[in-house]
Amino acid sequence: VVKAGLEIQIYMKNRMDEKSAAGTDYWNTRVGVHSGPVIAGV
């Protein structure tokens, strides 16, 4: 999960850099991770 979070941040930094180079404002991201039990279902 943390590896994925770091990779998402790299992707978004690259996207932000591309948009900034084109003169477009772009958003930043935050990633939060916690570990523990969950209930899953429908």
PDB file of all heavy atoms in Angstrom:
ATOM      1  N   VAL A   1       0.841  -1.200   0.000  1.00  0.00           N
ATOM      2  CA  VAL A   1       0.000   0.000   0.000  1.00  0.00           C
ATOM      3  C   VAL A   1       0.873   1.247   0.000  1.00  0.00           C
ATOM      4  O   VAL A   1       0.620   2.195  -0.755  1.00  0.00           O
ATOM      5  CB  VAL A   1      -0.976  -0.004   1.197  1.00  0.00           C
ATOM      6  CG1 VAL A   1      -1.674   1.346   1.335  1.00  0.00           C
ATOM      7  CG2 VAL A   1      -2.009  -1.123   1.052  1.00  0.00           C
ATOM      8  N   VAL A   2       1.914   1.261   0.804  1.00  0.00           N
ATOM      9  CA  VAL A   2       2.810   2.427   0.843  1.00  0.00           C
ATOM     10  C   VAL A   2       3.557   2.574  -0.479  1.00  0.00           C
ATOM     11  O   VAL A   2       3.704   3.695  -0.990  1.00  0.00           O
ATOM     12  CB  VAL A   2       3.761   2.351   2.053  1.00  0.00           C
ATOM     13  CG1 VAL A   2       4.830   3.433   1.982  1.00  0.00           C
ATOM     14  CG2 VAL A   2       2.969   2.477   3.355  1.00  0.00           C
ATOM     15  N   LYS A   3       4.006   1.475  -1.068  1.00  0.00           N
ATOM     16  CA  LYS A   3       4.648   1.555  -2.390  1.00  0.00           C
ATOM     17  C   LYS A   3       3.697   2.192  -3.401  1.00  0.00           C
ATOM     18  O   LYS A   3       4.100   3.050  -4.201  1.00  0.00           O
ATOM     19  CB  LYS A   3       5.056   0.167  -2.887  1.00  0.00           C
ATOM     20  CG  LYS A   3       6.276  -0.405  -2.222  1.00  0.00           C
ATOM     21  CD  LYS A   3       6.566  -1.798  -2.805  1.00  0.00           C
ATOM     22  CE  LYS A   3       7.733  -2.462  -2.152  1.00  0.00           C
ATOM     23  NZ  LYS A   3       7.934  -3.837  -2.686  1.00  0.00           N
ATOM     24  N   ALA A   4       2.448   1.761  -3.383  1.00  0.00           N
ATOM     25  CA  ALA A   4       1.453   2.334  -4.302  1.00  0.00           C
ATOM     26  C   ALA A   4       1.259   3.812  -4.018  1.00  0.00           C
ATOM     27  O   ALA A   4       1.188   4.625  -4.949  1.00  0.00           O
ATOM     28  CB  ALA A   4       0.124   1.578  -4.189  1.00  0.00           C
ATOM     29  N   GLY A   5       1.180   4.193  -2.743  1.00  0.00           N
ATOM     30  CA  GLY A   5       1.024   5.600  -2.386  1.00  0.00           C
ATOM     31  C   GLY A   5       2.176   6.451  -2.892  1.00  0.00           C
ATOM     32  O   GLY A   5       1.971   7.546  -3.425  1.00  0.00           O
ATOM     33  N   LEU A   6       3.394   5.949  -2.744  1.00  0.00           N
ATOM     34  CA  LEU A   6       4.556   6.685  -3.235  1.00  0.00           C
ATOM     35  C   LEU A   6       4.527   6.797  -4.761  1.00  0.00           C
ATOM     36  O   LEU A   6       4.847   7.853  -5.313  1.00  0.00           O
ATOM     37  CB  LEU A   6       5.849   6.003  -2.779  1.00  0.00           C
ATOM     38  CG  LEU A   6       6.147   6.095  -1.281  1.00  0.00           C
ATOM     39  CD1 LEU A   6       7.308   5.172  -0.919  1.00  0.00           C
ATOM     40  CD2 LEU A   6       6.438   7.531  -0.864  1.00  0.00           C
ATOM     41  N   GLU A   7       4.125   5.730  -5.435  1.00  0.00           N
ATOM     42  CA  GLU A   7       4.060   5.768  -6.890  1.00  0.00           C
ATOM     43  C   GLU A   7       2.967   6.731  -7.369  1.00  0.00           C
ATOM     44  O   GLU A   7       3.148   7.439  -8.363  1.00  0.00           O
ATOM     45  CB  GLU A   7       3.834   4.363  -7.451  1.00  0.00           C
ATOM     46  CG  GLU A   7       4.085   4.302  -8.932  1.00  0.00           C
ATOM     47  CD  GLU A   7       4.195   2.893  -9.478  1.00  0.00           C
ATOM     48  OE1 GLU A   7       4.773   2.007  -8.797  1.00  0.00           O
ATOM     49  OE2 GLU A   7       3.709   2.676 -10.610  1.00  0.00           O
ATOM     50  N   ILE A   8       1.861   6.779  -6.657  1.00  0.00           N
ATOM     51  CA  ILE A   8       0.803   7.746  -6.987  1.00  0.00           C
ATOM     52  C   ILE A   8       1.343   9.160  -6.846  1.00  0.00           C
ATOM     53  O   ILE A   8       1.090  10.025  -7.694  1.00  0.00           O
ATOM     54  CB  ILE A   8      -0.444   7.509  -6.113  1.00  0.00           C
ATOM     55  CG1 ILE A   8      -1.201   6.272  -6.630  1.00  0.00           C
ATOM     56  CG2 ILE A   8      -1.348   8.742  -6.080  1.00  0.00           C
ATOM     57  CD1 ILE A   8      -2.306   5.786  -5.719  1.00  0.00           C
ATOM     58  N   GLN A   9       2.112   9.415  -5.808  1.00  0.00           N
ATOM     59  CA  GLN A   9       2.672  10.755  -5.614  1.00  0.00           C
ATOM     60  C   GLN A   9       3.647  11.108  -6.737  1.00  0.00           C
ATOM     61  O   GLN A   9       3.672  12.243  -7.203  1.00  0.00           O
ATOM     62  CB  GLN A   9       3.342  10.885  -4.248  1.00  0.00           C
ATOM     63  CG  GLN A   9       2.377  10.861  -3.089  1.00  0.00           C
ATOM     64  CD  GLN A   9       1.404  12.035  -3.073  1.00  0.00           C
ATOM     65  OE1 GLN A   9       1.025  12.601  -4.095  1.00  0.00           O
ATOM     66  NE2 GLN A   9       0.964  12.400  -1.893  1.00  0.00           N
ATOM     67  N   ILE A  10       4.440  10.151  -7.191  1.00  0.00           N
ATOM     68  CA  ILE A  10       5.351  10.401  -8.311  1.00  0.00           C
ATOM     69  C   ILE A  10       4.543  10.726  -9.567  1.00  0.00           C
ATOM     70  O   ILE A  10       4.849  11.680 -10.290  1.00  0.00           O
ATOM     71  CB  ILE A  10       6.282   9.192  -8.555  1.00  0.00           C
ATOM     72  CG1 ILE A  10       7.274   9.049  -7.400  1.00  0.00           C
ATOM     73  CG2 ILE A  10       7.005   9.318  -9.897  1.00  0.00           C
ATOM     74  CD1 ILE A  10       8.026   7.734  -7.403  1.00  0.00           C
ATOM     75  N   TYR A  11       3.517   9.923  -9.825  1.00  0.00           N
ATOM     76  CA  TYR A  11       2.670  10.166 -10.995  1.00  0.00           C
ATOM     77  C   TYR A  11       2.068  11.572 -10.934  1.00  0.00           C
ATOM     78  O   TYR A  11       2.096  12.316 -11.928  1.00  0.00           O
ATOM     79  CB  TYR A  11       1.541   9.119 -11.069  1.00  0.00           C
ATOM     80  CG  TYR A  11       0.543   9.435 -12.147  1.00  0.00           C
ATOM     81  CD1 TYR A  11       0.783   9.060 -13.463  1.00  0.00           C
ATOM     82  CD2 TYR A  11      -0.620  10.159 -11.867  1.00  0.00           C
ATOM     83  CE1 TYR A  11      -0.113   9.379 -14.474  1.00  0.00           C
ATOM     84  CE2 TYR A  11      -1.516  10.487 -12.864  1.00  0.00           C
ATOM     85  CZ  TYR A  11      -1.257  10.096 -14.165  1.00  0.00           C
ATOM     86  OH  TYR A  11      -2.144  10.435 -15.151  1.00  0.00           O
ATOM     87  N   MET A  12       1.541  11.958  -9.790  1.00  0.00           N
ATOM     88  CA  MET A  12       0.885  13.266  -9.670  1.00  0.00           C
ATOM     89  C   MET A  12       1.885  14.414  -9.752  1.00  0.00           C
ATOM     90  O   MET A  12       1.579  15.464 -10.312  1.00  0.00           O
ATOM     91  CB  MET A  12       0.071  13.345  -8.380  1.00  0.00           C
ATOM     92  CG  MET A  12      -1.164  12.459  -8.404  1.00  0.00           C
ATOM     93  SD  MET A  12      -2.278  12.792  -9.795  1.00  0.00           S
ATOM     94  CE  MET A  12      -2.859  14.431  -9.381  1.00  0.00           C
ATOM     95  N   LYS A  13       3.100  14.222  -9.246  1.00  0.00           N
ATOM     96  CA  LYS A  13       4.131  15.268  -9.377  1.00  0.00           C
ATOM     97  C   LYS A  13       4.467  15.460 -10.846  1.00  0.00           C
ATOM     98  O   LYS A  13       4.575  16.605 -11.314  1.00  0.00           O
ATOM     99  CB  LYS A  13       5.379  14.877  -8.584  1.00  0.00           C
ATOM    100  CG  LYS A  13       6.606  15.711  -8.901  1.00  0.00           C
ATOM    101  CD  LYS A  13       7.009  16.580  -7.775  1.00  0.00           C
ATOM    102  CE  LYS A  13       8.252  17.401  -7.987  1.00  0.00           C
ATOM    103  NZ  LYS A  13       8.426  18.096  -9.233  1.00  0.00           N
ATOM    104  N   ASN A  14       4.633  14.354 -11.581  1.00  0.00           N
ATOM    105  CA  ASN A  14       4.916  14.453 -13.014  1.00  0.00           C
ATOM    106  C   ASN A  14       3.767  15.118 -13.756  1.00  0.00           C
ATOM    107  O   ASN A  14       3.988  15.951 -14.639  1.00  0.00           O
ATOM    108  CB  ASN A  14       5.218  13.073 -13.603  1.00  0.00           C
ATOM    109  CG  ASN A  14       6.526  12.505 -13.105  1.00  0.00           C
ATOM    110  OD1 ASN A  14       7.404  13.228 -12.648  1.00  0.00           O
ATOM    111  ND2 ASN A  14       6.658  11.193 -13.154  1.00  0.00           N
ATOM    112  N   ARG A  15       2.543  14.775 -13.404  1.00  0.00           N
ATOM    113  CA  ARG A  15       1.364  15.383 -14.040  1.00  0.00           C
ATOM    114  C   ARG A  15       1.330  16.884 -13.744  1.00  0.00           C
ATOM    115  O   ARG A  15       1.040  17.690 -14.632  1.00  0.00           O
ATOM    116  CB  ARG A  15       0.101  14.690 -13.521  1.00  0.00           C
ATOM    117  CG  ARG A  15      -1.152  15.066 -14.239  1.00  0.00           C
ATOM    118  CD  ARG A  15      -1.471  14.042 -15.302  1.00  0.00           C
ATOM    119  NE  ARG A  15      -2.700  14.415 -15.966  1.00  0.00           N
ATOM    120  CZ  ARG A  15      -2.845  14.428 -17.277  1.00  0.00           C
ATOM    121  NH1 ARG A  15      -1.852  14.055 -18.041  1.00  0.00           N
ATOM    122  NH2 ARG A  15      -3.966  14.792 -17.822  1.00  0.00           N
ATOM    123  N   MET A  16       1.608  17.247 -12.504  1.00  0.00           N
ATOM    124  CA  MET A  16       1.620  18.662 -12.121  1.00  0.00           C
ATOM    125  C   MET A  16       2.701  19.419 -12.884  1.00  0.00           C
ATOM    126  O   MET A  16       2.461  20.534 -13.357  1.00  0.00           O
ATOM    127  CB  MET A  16       1.837  18.810 -10.616  1.00  0.00           C
ATOM    128  CG  MET A  16       1.669  20.233 -10.133  1.00  0.00           C
ATOM    129  SD  MET A  16       2.019  20.472  -8.366  1.00  0.00           S
ATOM    130  CE  MET A  16       1.246  19.089  -7.616  1.00  0.00           C
ATOM    131  N   ASP A  17       3.876  18.805 -13.026  1.00  0.00           N
ATOM    132  CA  ASP A  17       4.960  19.447 -13.764  1.00  0.00           C
ATOM    133  C   ASP A  17       4.572  19.663 -15.228  1.00  0.00           C
ATOM    134  O   ASP A  17       4.854  20.718 -15.800  1.00  0.00           O
ATOM    135  CB  ASP A  17       6.242  18.615 -13.673  1.00  0.00           C
ATOM    136  CG  ASP A  17       6.866  18.647 -12.283  1.00  0.00           C
ATOM    137  OD1 ASP A  17       6.448  19.472 -11.436  1.00  0.00           O
ATOM    138  OD2 ASP A  17       7.749  17.798 -12.036  1.00  0.00           O
ATOM    139  N   GLU A  18       3.926  18.655 -15.842  1.00  0.00           N
ATOM    140  CA  GLU A  18       3.467  18.787 -17.233  1.00  0.00           C
ATOM    141  C   GLU A  18       2.463  19.929 -17.368  1.00  0.00           C
ATOM    142  O   GLU A  18       2.551  20.736 -18.298  1.00  0.00           O
ATOM    143  CB  GLU A  18       2.786  17.492 -17.703  1.00  0.00           C
ATOM    144  CG  GLU A  18       3.693  16.320 -17.904  1.00  0.00           C
ATOM    145  CD  GLU A  18       2.910  15.025 -18.133  1.00  0.00           C
ATOM    146  OE1 GLU A  18       1.679  15.068 -18.372  1.00  0.00           O
ATOM    147  OE2 GLU A  18       3.536  13.955 -18.071  1.00  0.00           O
ATOM    148  N   LYS A  19       1.514  19.981 -16.466  1.00  0.00           N
ATOM    149  CA  LYS A  19       0.478  21.020 -16.528  1.00  0.00           C
ATOM    150  C   LYS A  19       1.077  22.401 -16.274  1.00  0.00           C
ATOM    151  O   LYS A  19       0.713  23.370 -16.937  1.00  0.00           O
ATOM    152  CB  LYS A  19      -0.643  20.730 -15.522  1.00  0.00           C
ATOM    153  CG  LYS A  19      -1.443  19.481 -15.846  1.00  0.00           C
ATOM    154  CD  LYS A  19      -2.220  19.665 -17.123  1.00  0.00           C
ATOM    155  CE  LYS A  19      -3.104  18.480 -17.424  1.00  0.00           C
ATOM    156  NZ  LYS A  19      -3.946  18.687 -18.587  1.00  0.00           N
ATOM    157  N   SER A  20       2.005  22.492 -15.326  1.00  0.00           N
ATOM    158  CA  SER A  20       2.650  23.771 -15.040  1.00  0.00           C
ATOM    159  C   SER A  20       3.449  24.265 -16.235  1.00  0.00           C
ATOM    160  O   SER A  20       3.437  25.457 -16.552  1.00  0.00           O
ATOM    161  CB  SER A  20       3.566  23.645 -13.822  1.00  0.00           C
ATOM    162  OG  SER A  20       2.812  23.420 -12.663  1.00  0.00           O
ATOM    163  N   ALA A  21       4.142  23.337 -16.916  1.00  0.00           N
ATOM    164  CA  ALA A  21       4.913  23.708 -18.109  1.00  0.00           C
ATOM    165  C   ALA A  21       4.009  24.247 -19.209  1.00  0.00           C
ATOM    166  O   ALA A  21       4.419  25.088 -20.005  1.00  0.00           O
ATOM    167  CB  ALA A  21       5.710  22.505 -18.615  1.00  0.00           C
ATOM    168  N   ALA A  22       2.754  23.786 -19.218  1.00  0.00           N
ATOM    169  CA  ALA A  22       1.784  24.261 -20.214  1.00  0.00           C
ATOM    170  C   ALA A  22       1.032  25.500 -19.716  1.00  0.00           C
ATOM    171  O   ALA A  22       0.116  25.978 -20.379  1.00  0.00           O
ATOM    172  CB  ALA A  22       0.791  23.148 -20.545  1.00  0.00           C
ATOM    173  N   GLY A  23       1.420  26.000 -18.537  1.00  0.00           N
ATOM    174  CA  GLY A  23       0.783  27.199 -17.988  1.00  0.00           C
ATOM    175  C   GLY A  23      -0.556  26.955 -17.319  1.00  0.00           C
ATOM    176  O   GLY A  23      -1.343  27.874 -17.133  1.00  0.00           O
ATOM    177  N   THR A  24      -0.813  25.714 -16.925  1.00  0.00           N
ATOM    178  CA  THR A  24      -2.085  25.363 -16.301  1.00  0.00           C
ATOM    179  C   THR A  24      -1.881  25.042 -14.836  1.00  0.00           C
ATOM    180  O   THR A  24      -0.976  24.286 -14.478  1.00  0.00           O
ATOM    181  CB  THR A  24      -2.689  24.115 -17.008  1.00  0.00           C
ATOM    182  OG1 THR A  24      -2.779  24.379 -18.403  1.00  0.00           O
ATOM    183  CG2 THR A  24      -4.043  23.767 -16.456  1.00  0.00           C
ATOM    184  N   ASP A  25      -2.720  25.598 -13.977  1.00  0.00           N
ATOM    185  CA  ASP A  25      -2.685  25.236 -12.563  1.00  0.00           C
ATOM    186  C   ASP A  25      -3.150  23.794 -12.406  1.00  0.00           C
ATOM    187  O   ASP A  25      -3.971  23.304 -13.189  1.00  0.00           O
ATOM    188  CB  ASP A  25      -3.610  26.152 -11.745  1.00  0.00           C
ATOM    189  CG  ASP A  25      -3.017  27.533 -11.550  1.00  0.00           C
ATOM    190  OD1 ASP A  25      -1.783  27.658 -11.594  1.00  0.00           O
ATOM    191  OD2 ASP A  25      -3.798  28.476 -11.344  1.00  0.00           O
ATOM    192  N   TYR A  26      -2.649  23.126 -11.383  1.00  0.00           N
ATOM    193  CA  TYR A  26      -3.038  21.750 -11.155  1.00  0.00           C
ATOM    194  C   TYR A  26      -3.071  21.498  -9.663  1.00  0.00           C
ATOM    195  O   TYR A  26      -2.511  22.264  -8.882  1.00  0.00           O
ATOM    196  CB  TYR A  26      -2.047  20.804 -11.853  1.00  0.00           C
ATOM    197  CG  TYR A  26      -2.655  19.483 -12.243  1.00  0.00           C
ATOM    198  CD1 TYR A  26      -3.651  19.417 -13.201  1.00  0.00           C
ATOM    199  CD2 TYR A  26      -2.261  18.299 -11.643  1.00  0.00           C
ATOM    200  CE1 TYR A  26      -4.218  18.209 -13.571  1.00  0.00           C
ATOM    201  CE2 TYR A  26      -2.813  17.082 -12.008  1.00  0.00           C
ATOM    202  CZ  TYR A  26      -3.800  17.053 -12.973  1.00  0.00           C
ATOM    203  OH  TYR A  26      -4.359  15.856 -13.331  1.00  0.00           O
ATOM    204  N   TRP A  27      -3.700  20.442  -9.264  1.00  0.00           N
ATOM    205  CA  TRP A  27      -3.841  20.161  -7.845  1.00  0.00           C
ATOM    206  C   TRP A  27      -2.752  19.230  -7.354  1.00  0.00           C
ATOM    207  O   TRP A  27      -2.116  18.518  -8.101  1.00  0.00           O
ATOM    208  CB  TRP A  27      -5.219  19.592  -7.533  1.00  0.00           C
ATOM    209  CG  TRP A  27      -5.551  18.316  -8.251  1.00  0.00           C
ATOM    210  CD1 TRP A  27      -5.182  17.057  -7.889  1.00  0.00           C
ATOM    211  CD2 TRP A  27      -6.317  18.179  -9.452  1.00  0.00           C
ATOM    212  NE1 TRP A  27      -5.675  16.152  -8.785  1.00  0.00           N
ATOM    213  CE2 TRP A  27      -6.375  16.802  -9.751  1.00  0.00           C
ATOM    214  CE3 TRP A  27      -6.966  19.072 -10.295  1.00  0.00           C
ATOM    215  CZ2 TRP A  27      -7.057  16.316 -10.858  1.00  0.00           C
ATOM    216  CZ3 TRP A  27      -7.630  18.567 -11.398  1.00  0.00           C
ATOM    217  CH2 TRP A  27      -7.676  17.215 -11.671  1.00  0.00           C
ATOM    218  N   ASN A  28      -2.567  19.244  -6.046  1.00  0.00           N
ATOM    219  CA  ASN A  28      -1.623  18.390  -5.361  1.00  0.00           C
ATOM    220  C   ASN A  28      -2.413  17.288  -4.661  1.00  0.00           C
ATOM    221  O   ASN A  28      -3.612  17.420  -4.479  1.00  0.00           O
ATOM    222  CB  ASN A  28      -0.834  19.223  -4.337  1.00  0.00           C
ATOM    223  CG  ASN A  28       0.582  18.734  -4.175  1.00  0.00           C
ATOM    224  OD1 ASN A  28       0.857  17.546  -4.285  1.00  0.00           O
ATOM    225  ND2 ASN A  28       1.479  19.659  -3.892  1.00  0.00           N
ATOM    226  N   THR A  29      -1.748  16.226  -4.271  1.00  0.00           N
ATOM    227  CA  THR A  29      -2.448  15.120  -3.622  1.00  0.00           C
ATOM    228  C   THR A  29      -1.829  14.818  -2.267  1.00  0.00           C
ATOM    229  O   THR A  29      -0.658  15.097  -2.012  1.00  0.00           O
ATOM    230  CB  THR A  29      -2.381  13.837  -4.471  1.00  0.00           C
ATOM    231  OG1 THR A  29      -1.015  13.569  -4.793  1.00  0.00           O
ATOM    232  CG2 THR A  29      -3.183  13.971  -5.740  1.00  0.00           C
ATOM    233  N   ARG A  30      -2.661  14.223  -1.422  1.00  0.00           N
ATOM    234  CA  ARG A  30      -2.223  13.720  -0.122  1.00  0.00           C
ATOM    235  C   ARG A  30      -2.607  12.251  -0.066  1.00  0.00           C
ATOM    236  O   ARG A  30      -3.669  11.867  -0.542  1.00  0.00           O
ATOM    237  CB  ARG A  30      -2.924  14.468   1.014  1.00  0.00           C
ATOM    238  CG  ARG A  30      -2.611  15.940   1.072  1.00  0.00           C
ATOM    239  CD  ARG A  30      -3.292  16.589   2.279  1.00  0.00           C
ATOM    240  NE  ARG A  30      -4.674  16.216   2.422  1.00  0.00           N
ATOM    241  CZ  ARG A  30      -5.713  17.011   2.196  1.00  0.00           C
ATOM    242  NH1 ARG A  30      -5.515  18.241   1.777  1.00  0.00           N
ATOM    243  NH2 ARG A  30      -6.938  16.594   2.370  1.00  0.00           N
ATOM    244  N   VAL A  31      -1.735  11.436   0.524  1.00  0.00           N
ATOM    245  CA  VAL A  31      -2.018  10.015   0.695  1.00  0.00           C
ATOM    246  C   VAL A  31      -1.920   9.697   2.180  1.00  0.00           C
ATOM    247  O   VAL A  31      -0.954  10.076   2.839  1.00  0.00           O
ATOM    248  CB  VAL A  31      -1.025   9.141  -0.106  1.00  0.00           C
ATOM    249  CG1 VAL A  31      -1.221   7.656   0.213  1.00  0.00           C
ATOM    250  CG2 VAL A  31      -1.167   9.398  -1.598  1.00  0.00           C
ATOM    251  N   GLY A  32      -2.937   9.001   2.687  1.00  0.00           N
ATOM    252  CA  GLY A  32      -2.947   8.560   4.076  1.00  0.00           C
ATOM    253  C   GLY A  32      -3.115   7.059   4.152  1.00  0.00           C
ATOM    254  O   GLY A  32      -3.900   6.479   3.400  1.00  0.00           O
ATOM    255  N   VAL A  33      -2.360   6.422   5.070  1.00  0.00           N
ATOM    256  CA  VAL A  33      -2.406   4.965   5.202  1.00  0.00           C
ATOM    257  C   VAL A  33      -2.518   4.599   6.674  1.00  0.00           C
ATOM    258  O   VAL A  33      -1.811   5.138   7.526  1.00  0.00           O
ATOM    259  CB  VAL A  33      -1.130   4.308   4.610  1.00  0.00           C
ATOM    260  CG1 VAL A  33      -1.191   2.790   4.748  1.00  0.00           C
ATOM    261  CG2 VAL A  33      -0.916   4.716   3.165  1.00  0.00           C
ATOM    262  N   HIS A  34      -3.418   3.665   6.947  1.00  0.00           N
ATOM    263  CA  HIS A  34      -3.550   3.063   8.274  1.00  0.00           C
ATOM    264  C   HIS A  34      -3.775   1.577   8.076  1.00  0.00           C
ATOM    265  O   HIS A  34      -4.330   1.154   7.055  1.00  0.00           O
ATOM    266  CB  HIS A  34      -4.713   3.683   9.045  1.00  0.00           C
ATOM    267  CG  HIS A  34      -4.902   3.102  10.416  1.00  0.00           C
ATOM    268  ND1 HIS A  34      -3.933   3.167  11.382  1.00  0.00           N
ATOM    269  CD2 HIS A  34      -5.945   2.426  10.967  1.00  0.00           C
ATOM    270  CE1 HIS A  34      -4.374   2.568  12.487  1.00  0.00           C
ATOM    271  NE2 HIS A  34      -5.596   2.108  12.251  1.00  0.00           N
ATOM    272  N   SER A  35      -3.349   0.783   9.029  1.00  0.00           N
ATOM    273  CA  SER A  35      -3.480  -0.672   8.939  1.00  0.00           C
ATOM    274  C   SER A  35      -4.318  -1.188  10.091  1.00  0.00           C
ATOM    275  O   SER A  35      -4.167  -0.736  11.224  1.00  0.00           O
ATOM    276  CB  SER A  35      -2.096  -1.325   9.000  1.00  0.00           C
ATOM    277  OG  SER A  35      -1.283  -0.827   7.959  1.00  0.00           O
ATOM    278  N   GLY A  36      -5.199  -2.134   9.774  1.00  0.00           N
ATOM    279  CA  GLY A  36      -6.033  -2.733  10.804  1.00  0.00           C
ATOM    280  C   GLY A  36      -7.198  -3.472  10.191  1.00  0.00           C
ATOM    281  O   GLY A  36      -7.334  -3.552   8.967  1.00  0.00           O
ATOM    282  N   PRO A  37      -8.064  -3.993  11.040  1.00  0.00           N
ATOM    283  CA  PRO A  37      -9.198  -4.782  10.548  1.00  0.00           C
ATOM    284  C   PRO A  37     -10.300  -3.904   9.960  1.00  0.00           C
ATOM    285  O   PRO A  37     -10.485  -2.763  10.369  1.00  0.00           O
ATOM    286  CB  PRO A  37      -9.701  -5.501  11.807  1.00  0.00           C
ATOM    287  CG  PRO A  37      -9.324  -4.581  12.920  1.00  0.00           C
ATOM    288  CD  PRO A  37      -8.013  -3.938  12.500  1.00  0.00           C
ATOM    289  N   VAL A  38     -10.998  -4.456   8.978  1.00  0.00           N
ATOM    290  CA  VAL A  38     -12.171  -3.795   8.396  1.00  0.00           C
ATOM    291  C   VAL A  38     -13.271  -4.832   8.217  1.00  0.00           C
ATOM    292  O   VAL A  38     -13.022  -6.033   8.210  1.00  0.00           O
ATOM    293  CB  VAL A  38     -11.875  -3.131   7.023  1.00  0.00           C
ATOM    294  CG1 VAL A  38     -10.837  -2.036   7.154  1.00  0.00           C
ATOM    295  CG2 VAL A  38     -11.460  -4.152   5.994  1.00  0.00           C
ATOM    296  N   ILE A  39     -14.470  -4.345   8.076  1.00  0.00           N
ATOM    297  CA  ILE A  39     -15.597  -5.163   7.668  1.00  0.00           C
ATOM    298  C   ILE A  39     -15.826  -4.846   6.196  1.00  0.00           C
ATOM    299  O   ILE A  39     -15.830  -3.674   5.809  1.00  0.00           O
ATOM    300  CB  ILE A  39     -16.872  -4.808   8.471  1.00  0.00           C
ATOM    301  CG1 ILE A  39     -16.633  -4.976   9.972  1.00  0.00           C
ATOM    302  CG2 ILE A  39     -18.059  -5.634   7.996  1.00  0.00           C
ATOM    303  CD1 ILE A  39     -16.342  -6.383  10.411  1.00  0.00           C
ATOM    304  N   ALA A  40     -16.016  -5.860   5.381  1.00  0.00           N
ATOM    305  CA  ALA A  40     -16.219  -5.651   3.955  1.00  0.00           C
ATOM    306  C   ALA A  40     -17.494  -6.348   3.517  1.00  0.00           C
ATOM    307  O   ALA A  40     -17.863  -7.383   4.057  1.00  0.00           O
ATOM    308  CB  ALA A  40     -15.031  -6.207   3.171  1.00  0.00           C
ATOM    309  N   GLY A  41     -18.171  -5.743   2.554  1.00  0.00           N
ATOM    310  CA  GLY A  41     -19.366  -6.378   2.028  1.00  0.00           C
ATOM    311  C   GLY A  41     -20.251  -5.409   1.284  1.00  0.00           C
ATOM    312  O   GLY A  41     -19.820  -4.346   0.858  1.00  0.00           O
ATOM    313  N   VAL A  42     -21.509  -5.800   1.175  1.00  0.00           N
ATOM    314  CA  VAL A  42     -22.518  -5.019   0.477  1.00  0.00           C
ATOM    315  C   VAL A  42     -23.691  -4.850   1.427  1.00  0.00           C
ATOM    316  O   VAL A  42     -24.125  -5.809   2.068  1.00  0.00           O
ATOM    317  CB  VAL A  42     -22.979  -5.746  -0.811  1.00  0.00           C
ATOM    318  CG1 VAL A  42     -24.079  -4.972  -1.513  1.00  0.00           C
ATOM    319  CG2 VAL A  42     -21.800  -5.976  -1.739  1.00  0.00           C
TER     320      VAL A  42
END
